[in-house]
Amino acid sequence: MKEKIFHAIVFVDELFLKGRNRLGFFRQLEQQIQRLGQAVSGGRFQSLISHPVIVAPSDHPLSHSFFEAVQKVPGIFAILPAIKIARSV
């Protein structure tokens, strides 16, 4: 059985922005990913920004078309599906 994907890790292209410009760029990317997620997969996202990576967990399974759509956003280097694994102590 194929496991459903609820998380995506988005890698951002090399940026030469500094200060608030960099933060503003990441926020715009985050908003674009959220809009695409709602339009394509019907899910809501709570993105976590950790430069130069954005982790995008969703409340709905992510489709192949979502990954294709995000790959076309300017500033995105790569997007990978991810599975959340429980930590063992």
Protein backbone atom coordinates (compact mmCIF):
# COMPACT_ATOMS: atom_id res chain seq x y z
CA MET A 1 0.00 0.00 0.00
CA LYS A 2 1.32 3.41 -0.97
CA GLU A 3 1.61 5.89 1.91
CA LYS A 4 -0.10 9.26 1.48
CA ILE A 5 2.17 12.30 1.59
CA PHE A 6 1.17 15.15 3.92
CA HIS A 7 4.50 17.03 4.06
CA ALA A 8 6.74 18.73 1.53
CA ILE A 9 10.24 20.10 1.90
CA VAL A 10 10.91 23.05 -0.39
CA PHE A 11 14.47 24.11 -1.18
CA VAL A 12 14.95 27.71 -2.27
CA ASP A 13 17.40 28.94 -4.92
CA GLU A 14 20.51 30.84 -3.84
CA LEU A 15 19.49 34.32 -2.73
CA PHE A 16 21.49 37.51 -2.70
CA LEU A 17 18.92 39.37 -0.63
CA LYS A 18 19.67 40.69 2.83
CA GLY A 19 17.69 41.77 5.85
CA ARG A 20 13.99 42.42 5.45
CA ASN A 21 14.12 41.82 1.69
CA ARG A 22 15.13 38.19 2.26
CA LEU A 23 12.41 37.69 4.87
CA GLY A 24 9.85 39.31 2.56
CA PHE A 25 10.88 37.00 -0.28
CA PHE A 26 10.49 33.92 1.94
CA ARG A 27 7.07 35.11 3.10
CA GLN A 28 5.96 35.57 -0.53
CA LEU A 29 7.16 32.06 -1.38
CA GLU A 30 5.33 30.71 1.64
CA GLN A 31 2.10 32.44 0.57
CA GLN A 32 2.46 31.13 -2.98
CA ILE A 33 2.91 27.56 -1.69
CA GLN A 34 -0.17 27.96 0.51
CA ARG A 35 -2.25 29.25 -2.43
CA LEU A 36 -1.12 26.38 -4.64
CA GLY A 37 -1.86 23.88 -1.88
CA GLN A 38 -5.40 25.17 -1.49
CA ALA A 39 -6.02 25.31 -5.24
CA VAL A 40 -4.49 21.97 -6.22
CA SER A 41 -4.78 19.71 -3.14
CA GLY A 42 -7.51 21.48 -1.17
CA GLY A 43 -5.29 21.46 1.92
CA ARG A 44 -4.21 24.09 4.41
CA PHE A 45 -0.56 24.63 5.22
CA GLN A 46 1.36 25.95 8.20
CA SER A 47 4.76 26.50 6.67
CA LEU A 48 7.90 26.51 8.77
CA ILE A 49 10.68 28.66 7.33
CA SER A 50 14.23 27.60 8.04
CA HIS A 51 16.46 29.39 5.53
CA PRO A 52 16.96 28.12 2.77
CA VAL A 53 14.31 25.43 3.39
CA ILE A 54 10.55 25.67 3.81
CA VAL A 55 8.76 22.72 5.44
CA ALA A 56 5.13 22.63 4.34
CA PRO A 57 2.89 20.26 6.32
CA SER A 58 -0.67 19.92 5.02
CA ASP A 59 -3.93 18.70 6.52
CA HIS A 60 -4.78 16.92 3.22
CA PRO A 61 -2.71 14.46 1.17
CA LEU A 62 -0.52 16.21 -1.40
CA SER A 63 -0.98 15.27 -5.04
CA HIS A 64 1.57 14.86 -7.79
CA SER A 65 0.10 17.95 -9.49
CA PHE A 66 0.87 20.00 -6.35
CA PHE A 67 4.55 19.06 -6.53
CA GLU A 68 4.63 19.91 -10.27
CA ALA A 69 2.94 23.29 -9.67
CA VAL A 70 5.33 24.31 -6.85
CA GLN A 71 8.34 23.32 -8.97
CA LYS A 72 7.32 26.05 -11.47
CA VAL A 73 7.32 28.86 -8.88
CA PRO A 74 10.24 31.25 -9.43
CA GLY A 75 12.78 30.97 -6.62
CA ILE A 76 12.13 27.29 -5.92
CA PHE A 77 15.12 25.01 -6.49
CA ALA A 78 13.48 21.69 -5.59
CA ILE A 79 10.53 20.22 -3.72
CA LEU A 80 10.56 16.79 -2.11
CA PRO A 81 7.81 14.71 -0.50
CA ALA A 82 8.43 13.87 3.15
CA ILE A 83 6.94 11.51 5.69
CA LYS A 84 6.77 12.46 9.36
CA ILE A 85 8.29 9.74 11.52
CA ALA A 86 7.72 9.51 15.26
CA ARG A 87 10.83 9.88 17.37
CA SER A 88 11.91 6.98 19.49
CA VAL A 89 13.74 7.74 22.69
